[in-house]
Amino acid sequence: MHYILEARNISKSFSGVKALDAVNLAVRPGSVHAVVGENGAGKSTLMKILSGVYTQYEGEILLDGKPVIFAGPRDAAAQGIAVIHQELTLVPALSVAENIFLGREFSRYGFVDHKRLNREATELLSRLGHPVDPRQPVSNLKVSDQQIVEIARALSLNARIIIMDEPTSALAASDINKLFEIIGALTRLGKAVIYISHKMDELFRIADEITVLRDGKLVGTRPAAETTPGELVRMMVGREISQFYSSYETKIGGELLRVENLSSRDKGASPRKRLSNISFSLRAGEILGIAGLMGSGRTELLESLFGLYPTAPSTRIFLEGNEVHLSSPAQAIQSGIAFVTEDRKQHGLILNMTVSSNITLTVLKQFTRFSFIRNRQEEDNARQFIAKLGIKPPELSTLAENLSGGNQQKVVLAKWLMTAPKILLLDEPTKGIDIAAKSELYRSLKGLASEGIGIILVSSEMPELLSLSDRILVMREGALTGALSRSEASEEKIIEMATIASNVLRSRFYARTERPT
């Protein structure tokens, strides 16, 4: 059987700790091979070996059955291996064509031949089935089109194996479909795609084979058509999927928040309307889920409650029966509202600061006297939340950038819990974290609800919404279309309420976990 790429008995250690232990991987040409596992399972280390970043390791790599040793990333690229990173590596000020051929520009009479550059770029982009104007600056493109440019650059380098690391993490549902079409075009060209993702539904939509790693070891490789999400979860973490998405019961108290006729607009001279006449309530200890398509206004609802958008004069918000005015984040925090944003690295953490400093950031004045920080008091308080949320490693001096995604999210949560909030707003809190870390975060949220904190949860993961939420509000185009109790809620009802017309694809909201036939 012909494999375009093989990794045999790959082992790699850091400071005496094995990150990979005799791992094998075999990839066929013209196929999508998914590699999955929890954070720390060894996926990134293996990909860095395959792409020439790490050159010291045990075992061997074969291309078309012949052993190869990469001197570095350029050597790996020259031999046909390209990587599409989660953070794209384009130059925003340059054009699409200039980015595709960066460092390899065509010249004529000593000058860059832009005509040929654009012609060659157009030909590459058309092979992917999604043409992009080669003359426009990359800064004008949305993320999905920037990914197309990255893939076209890989084709221009004659890449035969393309490694994609969490490629859908910043994409809307419609753009995910576009990416999958491009991946299909690549495999029809005979390219092999190695696909890394935490999103179980994606694997069963596009993968031909799935390899599972756990604790640096190979658990197994399965044909996607012959396995299930449940089996993959068991392989990844050794537990049943029901343990992660199990419902729970909690004691719900009296009304905590009441929102009447919430309408909001962008700031500026010609403000765009964001929300229209939204009314709902939240009770103490309740987890209120918010469902809807991308662009339905879910994030804007949370941002409006946190004072980030101007609200209409008719809007009234009551907290514990008293009317409050939330015209700024400072007023929201003072009123007992905390907001965990979708992008923890950009808006939740200061990555080059310690865990302790990040946790106490919102209440630093409490630990300051005569302009000096009382370090012992600060650390004692941070230590309490590290223990409460199970942040690992538990060292106060660990830099936030060195934590896993799940533990980074716990630090953001701890930072806001330091303010003793009454209401917690959560926007896609499990985005980019593995299934075991999700389970730990779910336990934390259930514990906070049991303490009487009201939680408003925005999530695009249907099992997450259905298992955590006491009620679910459904949004469409900046307005509420309905509310469902836990007993009423189902995937079908939510999708029906969230879509505008019956021909809107189900996969725009939640991709099927069944492999298409």
Protein backbone atom coordinates (compact mmCIF):
# COMPACT_ATOMS: atom_id res chain seq x y z
CA MET A 1 0.00 0.00 0.00
CA HIS A 2 1.46 3.37 -1.04
CA TYR A 3 1.91 6.08 1.58
CA ILE A 4 3.07 9.56 0.65
CA LEU A 5 4.31 10.17 4.22
CA GLU A 6 5.22 7.83 7.06
CA ALA A 7 6.49 8.52 10.56
CA ARG A 8 7.88 5.40 12.20
CA ASN A 9 8.52 5.00 15.93
CA ILE A 10 8.95 8.73 16.49
CA SER A 11 10.07 9.66 20.02
CA LYS A 12 10.98 13.11 21.33
CA SER A 13 11.93 14.25 24.84
CA PHE A 14 12.22 17.66 26.47
CA SER A 15 14.33 17.89 29.65
CA GLY A 16 13.98 14.17 30.18
CA VAL A 17 10.18 14.18 29.73
CA LYS A 18 8.88 12.24 26.73
CA ALA A 19 6.54 14.31 24.56
CA LEU A 20 6.30 11.50 21.98
CA ASP A 21 6.86 7.81 22.61
CA ALA A 22 7.23 5.52 19.56
CA VAL A 23 4.45 7.18 17.54
CA ASN A 24 3.56 5.94 14.05
CA LEU A 25 1.63 7.81 11.35
CA ALA A 26 0.96 6.79 7.74
CA VAL A 27 -0.73 9.18 5.30
CA ARG A 28 -2.07 8.29 1.84
CA PRO A 29 -1.98 10.65 -1.15
CA GLY A 30 -5.32 12.26 -2.00
CA SER A 31 -6.69 11.79 1.52
CA VAL A 32 -7.50 13.78 4.65
CA HIS A 33 -5.84 12.30 7.73
CA ALA A 34 -7.00 13.83 11.02
CA VAL A 35 -4.77 13.82 14.10
CA VAL A 36 -6.59 14.33 17.40
CA GLY A 37 -5.89 14.25 21.11
CA GLU A 38 -6.12 16.37 24.22
CA ASN A 39 -3.83 19.34 24.75
CA GLY A 40 -0.44 17.87 25.61
CA ALA A 41 -1.12 14.64 23.69
CA GLY A 42 1.83 15.32 21.36
CA LYS A 43 0.07 16.60 18.21
CA SER A 44 2.08 19.82 17.94
CA THR A 45 5.38 18.07 18.64
CA LEU A 46 4.70 15.50 15.92
CA MET A 47 3.74 18.19 13.40
CA LYS A 48 6.90 20.18 14.20
CA ILE A 49 8.99 17.08 13.50
CA LEU A 50 7.16 16.43 10.23
CA SER A 51 7.66 20.05 9.12
CA GLY A 52 11.35 20.26 10.06
CA VAL A 53 11.05 22.55 13.09
CA TYR A 54 12.47 19.86 15.38
CA THR A 55 15.41 18.07 13.79
CA GLN A 56 16.55 16.00 16.78
CA TYR A 57 14.35 12.97 17.50
CA GLU A 58 14.31 9.18 17.47
CA GLY A 59 12.69 7.19 14.67
CA GLU A 60 12.46 7.92 10.96
CA ILE A 61 10.36 9.81 8.42
CA LEU A 62 9.72 8.46 4.94
CA LEU A 63 8.48 10.28 1.84
CA ASP A 64 7.21 7.93 -0.86
CA GLY A 65 8.86 5.07 1.02
CA LYS A 66 12.32 6.69 1.15
CA PRO A 67 13.87 7.84 4.46
CA VAL A 68 14.44 11.59 4.75
CA ILE A 69 16.05 13.87 7.33
CA PHE A 70 14.98 17.51 7.28
CA ALA A 71 17.64 20.12 8.03
CA GLY A 72 14.93 22.61 8.96
CA PRO A 73 11.53 24.01 7.90
CA ARG A 74 12.85 25.26 4.53
CA ASP A 75 14.19 21.82 3.72
CA ALA A 76 10.84 20.22 4.63
CA ALA A 77 9.04 22.79 2.45
CA ALA A 78 11.42 22.11 -0.43
CA GLN A 79 10.53 18.42 -0.16
CA GLY A 80 6.80 19.13 -0.36
CA ILE A 81 5.53 19.69 3.20
CA ALA A 82 3.60 22.89 3.96
CA VAL A 83 1.95 24.07 7.18
CA ILE A 84 -1.13 26.30 7.42
CA HIS A 85 -0.83 27.67 10.95
CA GLN A 86 -3.70 28.68 13.22
CA GLU A 87 -2.27 32.22 13.18
CA LEU A 88 -1.81 33.08 9.51
CA THR A 89 1.61 34.28 8.31
CA LEU A 90 0.70 36.70 5.52
CA VAL A 91 1.97 40.28 5.10
CA PRO A 92 -1.17 42.49 5.31
CA ALA A 93 0.22 45.41 3.27
CA LEU A 94 1.18 43.25 0.28
CA SER A 95 -1.19 42.06 -2.42
CA VAL A 96 -2.55 38.53 -2.68
CA ALA A 97 -0.16 37.70 -5.53
CA GLU A 98 2.83 39.23 -3.73
CA ASN A 99 2.08 37.10 -0.66
CA ILE A 100 1.75 33.91 -2.70
CA PHE A 101 5.17 34.40 -4.32
CA LEU A 102 6.88 36.26 -1.47
CA GLY A 103 10.65 35.88 -1.85
CA ARG A 104 10.20 34.24 -5.27
CA GLU A 105 8.88 37.18 -7.31
CA PHE A 106 9.09 37.04 -11.11
CA SER A 107 11.26 39.80 -12.54
CA ARG A 108 11.60 41.47 -15.91
CA TYR A 109 14.36 43.91 -16.80
CA GLY A 110 15.31 44.09 -13.12
CA PHE A 111 11.78 44.92 -11.93
CA VAL A 112 9.03 42.79 -10.43
CA ASP A 113 6.83 41.44 -13.23
CA HIS A 114 3.42 42.17 -11.64
CA LYS A 115 1.54 41.08 -14.75
CA ARG A 116 3.01 37.57 -14.58
CA LEU A 117 2.72 37.56 -10.79
CA ASN A 118 -1.03 38.22 -11.01
CA ARG A 119 -1.50 35.74 -13.87
CA GLU A 120 0.25 32.90 -12.01
CA ALA A 121 -1.63 33.73 -8.79
CA THR A 122 -4.96 33.68 -10.63
CA GLU A 123 -4.17 30.25 -12.05
CA LEU A 124 -3.29 28.85 -8.61
CA LEU A 125 -6.40 30.32 -6.98
CA SER A 126 -8.68 28.99 -9.73
CA ARG A 127 -7.35 25.47 -9.10
CA LEU A 128 -8.80 25.77 -5.60
CA GLY A 129 -12.23 26.68 -6.97
CA HIS A 130 -12.50 29.95 -5.01
CA PRO A 131 -10.93 32.79 -7.02
CA VAL A 132 -9.63 35.80 -5.10
CA ASP A 133 -8.56 39.05 -6.78
CA PRO A 134 -4.74 38.73 -6.80
CA ARG A 135 -4.23 42.51 -6.90
CA GLN A 136 -5.99 43.48 -3.67
CA PRO A 137 -4.11 43.86 -0.38
CA VAL A 138 -4.39 40.91 1.99
CA SER A 139 -5.53 43.33 4.71
CA ASN A 140 -8.82 43.73 2.78
CA LEU A 141 -9.59 40.00 2.91
CA LYS A 142 -11.62 38.20 5.53
CA VAL A 143 -9.92 35.35 7.38
CA SER A 144 -11.35 32.59 5.18
CA ASP A 145 -9.97 34.24 2.03
CA GLN A 146 -6.60 34.76 3.72
CA GLN A 147 -6.53 31.01 4.33
CA ILE A 148 -7.11 30.45 0.61
CA VAL A 149 -4.07 32.64 -0.09
CA GLU A 150 -1.98 30.57 2.36
CA ILE A 151 -3.08 27.36 0.64
CA ALA A 152 -2.34 28.84 -2.80
CA ARG A 153 1.15 29.74 -1.56
CA ALA A 154 1.62 26.11 -0.51
CA LEU A 155 0.60 24.99 -4.01
CA SER A 156 3.06 27.46 -5.54
CA LEU A 157 5.79 25.67 -3.59
CA ASN A 158 4.63 22.33 -5.05
CA ALA A 159 3.51 21.11 -1.64
CA ARG A 160 2.25 17.55 -1.68
CA ILE A 161 1.45 17.31 2.03
CA ILE A 162 -0.42 20.17 3.71
CA ILE A 163 -0.69 20.28 7.50
CA MET A 164 -3.64 22.34 8.79
CA ASP A 165 -3.61 23.31 12.47
CA GLU A 166 -7.10 24.17 13.81
CA PRO A 167 -7.96 25.89 10.50
CA THR A 168 -11.60 26.66 11.39
CA SER A 169 -10.99 28.29 14.78
CA ALA A 170 -11.68 31.81 13.47
CA LEU A 171 -14.19 30.96 10.71
CA ALA A 172 -17.94 31.44 10.45
CA ALA A 173 -20.00 28.36 9.54
CA SER A 174 -20.39 29.35 5.87
CA ASP A 175 -16.63 29.88 5.58
CA ILE A 176 -15.99 26.46 7.12
CA ASN A 177 -18.00 24.94 4.26
CA LYS A 178 -15.84 26.90 1.81
CA LEU A 179 -12.66 25.59 3.45
CA PHE A 180 -13.94 22.02 3.24
CA GLU A 181 -14.63 22.50 -0.48
CA ILE A 182 -11.03 23.65 -0.92
CA ILE A 183 -9.73 20.65 1.02
CA GLY A 184 -11.77 18.48 -1.35
CA ALA A 185 -10.13 20.23 -4.31
CA LEU A 186 -6.69 19.57 -2.80
CA THR A 187 -7.32 15.86 -2.39
CA ARG A 188 -8.62 15.64 -5.97
CA LEU A 189 -5.26 17.08 -7.02
CA GLY A 190 -3.62 14.19 -5.17
CA LYS A 191 -2.48 16.25 -2.19
CA ALA A 192 -2.51 14.76 1.30
CA VAL A 193 -4.00 16.89 4.09
CA ILE A 194 -3.10 16.33 7.74
CA TYR A 195 -5.92 17.95 9.70
CA ILE A 196 -5.67 18.88 13.40
CA SER A 197 -8.87 19.89 15.18
CA HIS A 198 -10.64 19.68 18.54
CA LYS A 199 -14.02 19.82 16.78
CA MET A 200 -15.43 16.32 16.61
CA ASP A 201 -18.12 17.17 14.04
CA GLU A 202 -15.53 18.44 11.54
CA LEU A 203 -13.57 15.20 11.63
CA PHE A 204 -16.54 13.15 10.48
CA ARG A 205 -17.33 15.58 7.68
CA ILE A 206 -13.97 15.52 5.92
CA ALA A 207 -11.52 12.96 7.34
CA ASP A 208 -10.77 9.63 5.68
CA GLU A 209 -8.71 8.35 8.59
CA ILE A 210 -8.30 9.54 12.18
CA THR A 211 -5.22 8.99 14.35
CA VAL A 212 -5.59 9.44 18.12
CA LEU A 213 -2.71 10.40 20.43
CA ARG A 214 -2.80 10.36 24.23
CA ASP A 215 0.03 11.34 26.58
CA GLY A 216 2.54 11.24 23.73
CA LYS A 217 1.59 7.73 22.62
CA LEU A 218 -0.33 6.37 19.66
CA VAL A 219 -3.70 5.00 20.77
CA GLY A 220 -4.78 3.96 17.30
CA THR A 221 -5.82 4.89 13.76
CA ARG A 222 -9.37 4.31 12.51
CA PRO A 223 -11.15 4.83 9.18
CA ALA A 224 -13.58 7.70 9.84
CA ALA A 225 -16.43 5.75 8.26
CA GLU A 226 -15.95 2.91 10.73
CA THR A 227 -15.80 4.82 14.01
CA THR A 228 -18.01 7.13 16.10
CA PRO A 229 -17.53 10.27 18.21
CA GLY A 230 -18.01 8.15 21.32
CA GLU A 231 -15.22 5.76 20.36
CA LEU A 232 -12.86 8.65 19.60
CA VAL A 233 -13.53 10.25 22.98
CA ARG A 234 -12.85 6.95 24.74
CA MET A 235 -9.58 6.66 22.81
CA MET A 236 -8.60 10.25 23.63
CA VAL A 237 -9.35 10.30 27.33
CA GLY A 238 -10.38 6.79 28.36
CA ARG A 239 -13.90 7.86 29.35
CA GLU A 240 -17.38 7.83 27.83
CA ILE A 241 -18.65 10.92 25.97
CA SER A 242 -21.71 11.00 28.27
CA GLN A 243 -19.42 12.00 31.14
CA PHE A 244 -18.66 15.28 29.37
CA TYR A 245 -22.15 16.22 28.19
CA SER A 246 -24.30 15.15 31.15
CA SER A 247 -27.15 17.31 32.40
CA TYR A 248 -27.39 18.38 36.03
CA GLU A 249 -29.88 19.75 38.51
CA THR A 250 -29.40 22.93 40.52
CA LYS A 251 -31.49 25.05 42.83
CA ILE A 252 -32.66 28.18 41.04
CA GLY A 253 -33.47 31.27 43.09
CA GLY A 254 -35.39 34.47 42.48
CA GLU A 255 -35.09 36.93 39.63
CA LEU A 256 -31.60 38.40 39.40
CA LEU A 257 -31.71 40.29 36.11
CA ARG A 258 -34.57 41.64 34.03
CA VAL A 259 -34.03 43.18 30.61
CA GLU A 260 -36.80 45.11 28.86
CA ASN A 261 -36.73 46.26 25.22
CA LEU A 262 -32.96 46.08 24.83
CA SER A 263 -31.96 47.77 21.57
CA SER A 264 -28.40 48.81 20.79
CA ARG A 265 -26.36 50.39 18.02
CA ASP A 266 -22.73 50.86 17.04
CA LYS A 267 -21.02 54.01 18.20
CA GLY A 268 -20.26 56.65 15.57
CA ALA A 269 -21.88 59.07 13.15
CA SER A 270 -23.82 56.41 11.22
CA PRO A 271 -24.45 53.70 13.81
CA ARG A 272 -25.58 50.26 12.66
CA LYS A 273 -28.37 48.64 14.64
CA ARG A 274 -27.21 45.57 16.56
CA LEU A 275 -30.16 44.43 18.71
CA SER A 276 -33.91 45.02 18.52
CA ASN A 277 -36.34 45.02 21.47
CA ILE A 278 -34.93 42.08 23.41
CA SER A 279 -36.62 41.22 26.70
CA PHE A 280 -35.76 38.36 29.07
CA SER A 281 -34.96 37.56 32.69
CA LEU A 282 -32.25 35.62 34.52
CA ARG A 283 -32.63 34.01 37.93
CA ALA A 284 -30.02 33.39 40.59
CA GLY A 285 -28.24 30.08 40.00
CA GLU A 286 -29.62 29.75 36.48
CA ILE A 287 -27.57 29.01 33.37
CA LEU A 288 -29.29 30.75 30.47
CA GLY A 289 -28.08 29.53 27.08
CA ILE A 290 -28.09 31.76 23.99
CA ALA A 291 -28.32 29.97 20.62
CA GLY A 292 -28.29 31.27 17.06
CA LEU A 293 -26.43 31.41 13.76
CA MET A 294 -23.19 33.30 13.32
CA GLY A 295 -24.09 36.99 13.15
CA SER A 296 -27.41 36.54 14.94
CA GLY A 297 -26.45 39.00 17.69
CA ARG A 298 -25.44 36.61 20.48
CA THR A 299 -22.08 38.28 21.19
CA GLU A 300 -23.63 41.73 20.78
CA LEU A 301 -26.18 40.85 23.47
CA LEU A 302 -23.41 40.11 25.97
CA GLU A 303 -21.43 43.17 24.91
CA SER A 304 -24.49 45.40 25.33
CA LEU A 305 -25.08 44.06 28.85
CA PHE A 306 -21.42 44.84 29.59
CA GLY A 307 -21.79 48.46 28.47
CA LEU A 308 -19.90 48.20 25.19
CA TYR A 309 -22.77 49.40 22.95
CA PRO A 310 -25.05 52.42 23.43
CA THR A 311 -28.61 51.33 24.20
CA ALA A 312 -31.88 52.98 23.17
CA PRO A 313 -33.77 55.27 25.61
CA SER A 314 -36.55 52.67 25.79
CA THR A 315 -34.15 50.03 27.16
CA ARG A 316 -34.53 49.24 30.86
CA ILE A 317 -32.32 46.88 32.86
CA PHE A 318 -33.05 45.78 36.42
CA LEU A 319 -30.59 44.03 38.72
CA GLU A 320 -32.12 42.50 41.85
CA GLY A 321 -35.17 44.71 41.31
CA ASN A 322 -33.22 47.98 41.01
CA GLU A 323 -32.85 49.76 37.69
CA VAL A 324 -29.24 50.11 36.53
CA HIS A 325 -27.60 52.00 33.68
CA LEU A 326 -24.84 50.08 31.94
CA SER A 327 -23.21 52.62 29.65
CA SER A 328 -19.64 51.41 30.20
CA PRO A 329 -17.77 48.27 31.31
CA ALA A 330 -16.83 50.06 34.53
CA GLN A 331 -20.52 50.53 35.38
CA ALA A 332 -21.25 46.90 34.50
CA ILE A 333 -18.45 45.64 36.76
CA GLN A 334 -19.61 47.94 39.55
CA SER A 335 -23.10 46.47 39.17
CA GLY A 336 -21.76 42.93 39.57
CA ILE A 337 -21.48 41.82 35.93
CA ALA A 338 -18.40 39.99 34.59
CA PHE A 339 -17.67 39.18 30.94
CA VAL A 340 -15.46 36.33 29.69
CA THR A 341 -14.90 37.16 26.01
CA GLU A 342 -14.47 34.74 23.12
CA ASP A 343 -10.81 35.63 22.47
CA ARG A 344 -9.06 34.97 25.77
CA LYS A 345 -5.57 35.73 24.40
CA GLN A 346 -6.54 39.09 22.93
CA HIS A 347 -9.05 40.36 25.48
CA GLY A 348 -8.81 38.12 28.55
CA LEU A 349 -5.16 37.70 29.46
CA ILE A 350 -1.84 39.51 29.52
CA LEU A 351 0.16 36.57 28.25
CA ASN A 352 3.59 37.68 29.46
CA MET A 353 2.35 38.20 33.01
CA THR A 354 2.12 35.55 35.72
CA VAL A 355 -0.98 33.60 36.65
CA SER A 356 -1.15 35.48 39.96
CA SER A 357 -0.94 38.91 38.30
CA ASN A 358 -3.61 38.02 35.74
CA ILE A 359 -6.02 36.72 38.38
CA THR A 360 -5.79 39.86 40.53
CA LEU A 361 -5.79 42.33 37.64
CA THR A 362 -9.42 43.41 38.04
CA VAL A 363 -9.10 44.12 41.79
CA LEU A 364 -5.51 45.27 42.08
CA LYS A 365 -6.50 48.31 44.15
CA GLN A 366 -7.51 45.95 46.96
CA PHE A 367 -3.90 44.84 47.31
CA THR A 368 -2.28 48.25 46.88
CA ARG A 369 -1.20 50.53 49.70
CA PHE A 370 0.68 53.80 49.21
CA SER A 371 1.23 52.82 45.54
CA PHE A 372 2.85 49.51 46.50
CA ILE A 373 1.34 46.08 45.88
CA ARG A 374 1.06 43.88 48.96
CA ASN A 375 2.38 40.76 47.27
CA ARG A 376 1.58 38.28 50.02
CA GLN A 377 -2.09 39.33 50.18
CA GLU A 378 -2.32 39.30 46.38
CA GLU A 379 -0.81 35.81 46.17
CA ASP A 380 -2.96 34.41 48.99
CA ASN A 381 -6.12 35.51 47.17
CA ALA A 382 -4.89 34.22 43.80
CA ARG A 383 -4.00 30.89 45.41
CA GLN A 384 -7.61 30.45 46.59
CA PHE A 385 -8.96 30.65 43.04
CA ILE A 386 -6.20 28.46 41.63
CA ALA A 387 -7.34 25.77 44.07
CA LYS A 388 -11.05 26.43 43.52
CA LEU A 389 -10.86 26.11 39.73
CA GLY A 390 -8.09 23.51 39.62
CA ILE A 391 -5.66 25.60 37.57
CA LYS A 392 -2.63 23.54 36.51
CA PRO A 393 0.20 23.91 37.12
CA PRO A 394 -0.72 25.61 40.41
CA GLU A 395 2.44 27.77 40.58
CA LEU A 396 1.65 31.48 40.93
CA SER A 397 4.74 32.48 38.95
CA THR A 398 3.84 30.54 35.78
CA LEU A 399 3.41 32.85 32.78
CA ALA A 400 -0.09 32.78 31.28
CA GLU A 401 1.33 32.11 27.81
CA ASN A 402 2.77 28.81 29.05
CA LEU A 403 -0.60 27.38 30.13
CA SER A 404 -2.84 25.11 28.06
CA GLY A 405 -5.96 26.64 26.53
CA GLY A 406 -8.20 25.16 29.21
CA ASN A 407 -6.09 26.50 32.06
CA GLN A 408 -5.82 29.91 30.39
CA GLN A 409 -9.61 30.02 30.35
CA LYS A 410 -9.71 29.14 34.05
CA VAL A 411 -7.35 32.05 34.78
CA VAL A 412 -9.70 34.42 32.91
CA LEU A 413 -12.62 33.02 34.90
CA ALA A 414 -10.68 33.42 38.16
CA LYS A 415 -9.88 37.03 37.26
CA TRP A 416 -13.56 37.85 37.02
CA LEU A 417 -14.55 35.80 40.06
CA MET A 418 -12.21 38.06 42.06
CA THR A 419 -14.80 40.82 41.50
CA ALA A 420 -17.47 38.71 43.27
CA PRO A 421 -19.91 38.97 40.34
CA LYS A 422 -23.63 38.34 40.55
CA ILE A 423 -23.86 37.69 36.80
CA LEU A 424 -21.32 35.96 34.57
CA LEU A 425 -21.43 36.51 30.80
CA LEU A 426 -19.64 33.77 28.84
CA ASP A 427 -18.95 34.00 25.09
CA GLU A 428 -17.84 30.65 23.60
CA PRO A 429 -15.96 29.73 26.81
CA THR A 430 -14.73 26.34 25.55
CA LYS A 431 -13.48 27.52 22.16
CA GLY A 432 -10.15 25.91 21.30
CA ILE A 433 -9.85 23.68 24.37
CA ASP A 434 -9.90 19.90 24.42
CA ILE A 435 -12.75 17.75 25.64
CA ALA A 436 -11.24 16.92 29.05
CA ALA A 437 -10.59 20.61 29.74
CA LYS A 438 -14.18 21.32 28.71
CA SER A 439 -15.40 18.81 31.28
CA GLU A 440 -13.42 20.56 34.04
CA LEU A 441 -14.81 23.93 32.96
CA TYR A 442 -18.36 22.55 32.98
CA ARG A 443 -17.88 21.41 36.57
CA SER A 444 -16.66 24.88 37.51
CA LEU A 445 -19.67 26.56 35.88
CA LYS A 446 -22.11 24.20 37.60
CA GLY A 447 -20.39 24.94 40.90
CA LEU A 448 -20.69 28.70 40.36
CA ALA A 449 -24.38 28.35 39.51
CA SER A 450 -24.92 26.38 42.73
CA GLU A 451 -23.45 29.37 44.60
CA GLY A 452 -26.22 31.57 43.17
CA ILE A 453 -24.35 33.25 40.33
CA GLY A 454 -26.51 33.81 37.25
CA ILE A 455 -24.77 32.71 34.04
CA ILE A 456 -25.55 33.72 30.46
CA LEU A 457 -23.82 31.30 28.08
CA VAL A 458 -23.25 31.83 24.36
CA SER A 459 -22.06 28.66 22.64
CA SER A 460 -22.02 27.25 19.11
CA GLU A 461 -21.70 23.70 20.47
CA MET A 462 -25.15 22.18 20.66
CA PRO A 463 -24.37 19.41 23.20
CA GLU A 464 -22.85 22.07 25.46
CA LEU A 465 -25.94 24.27 25.35
CA LEU A 466 -28.36 21.40 25.82
CA SER A 467 -26.52 19.86 28.77
CA LEU A 468 -25.64 23.04 30.69
CA SER A 469 -28.61 25.35 30.13
CA ASP A 470 -31.70 25.56 32.32
CA ARG A 471 -33.34 27.60 29.54
CA ILE A 472 -32.24 28.50 26.02
CA LEU A 473 -33.04 31.75 24.20
CA VAL A 474 -32.78 31.61 20.41
CA MET A 475 -31.67 34.65 18.39
CA ARG A 476 -31.89 35.63 14.74
CA GLU A 477 -30.81 38.90 13.12
CA GLY A 478 -30.45 40.75 16.42
CA ALA A 479 -33.81 39.70 17.86
CA LEU A 480 -35.16 36.89 20.01
CA THR A 481 -37.21 34.28 18.19
CA GLY A 482 -38.15 32.16 21.17
CA ALA A 483 -37.28 30.53 24.47
CA LEU A 484 -37.11 26.86 25.41
CA SER A 485 -37.01 25.16 28.79
CA ARG A 486 -34.56 22.31 29.33
CA SER A 487 -37.31 19.75 28.85
CA GLU A 488 -38.50 21.41 25.61
CA ALA A 489 -35.09 22.06 24.07
CA SER A 490 -33.75 19.90 21.27
CA GLU A 491 -31.32 20.43 18.44
CA GLU A 492 -34.11 20.36 15.86
CA LYS A 493 -36.25 22.97 17.65
CA ILE A 494 -33.30 25.31 18.14
CA ILE A 495 -32.23 25.10 14.50
CA GLU A 496 -35.79 25.66 13.31
CA MET A 497 -36.08 28.81 15.45
CA ALA A 498 -32.61 30.04 14.48
CA THR A 499 -32.93 29.75 10.70
CA ILE A 500 -34.71 32.22 8.46
CA ALA A 501 -36.01 29.81 5.83
CA SER A 502 -36.38 26.08 5.59
CA ASN A 503 -33.63 25.83 2.95
CA VAL A 504 -30.94 27.24 5.27
CA LEU A 505 -28.45 24.44 5.67
CA ARG A 506 -28.39 22.71 9.00
CA SER A 507 -24.59 22.68 8.82
CA ARG A 508 -24.49 26.50 9.04
CA PHE A 509 -25.39 26.19 12.69
CA TYR A 510 -24.15 22.80 13.77
CA ALA A 511 -22.32 20.39 11.51
CA ARG A 512 -23.53 16.81 11.55
CA THR A 513 -21.63 14.32 13.61
CA GLU A 514 -22.59 11.59 11.14
CA ARG A 515 -20.32 11.13 8.16
CA PRO A 516 -22.25 12.11 4.99
CA THR A 517 -23.23 9.29 2.70
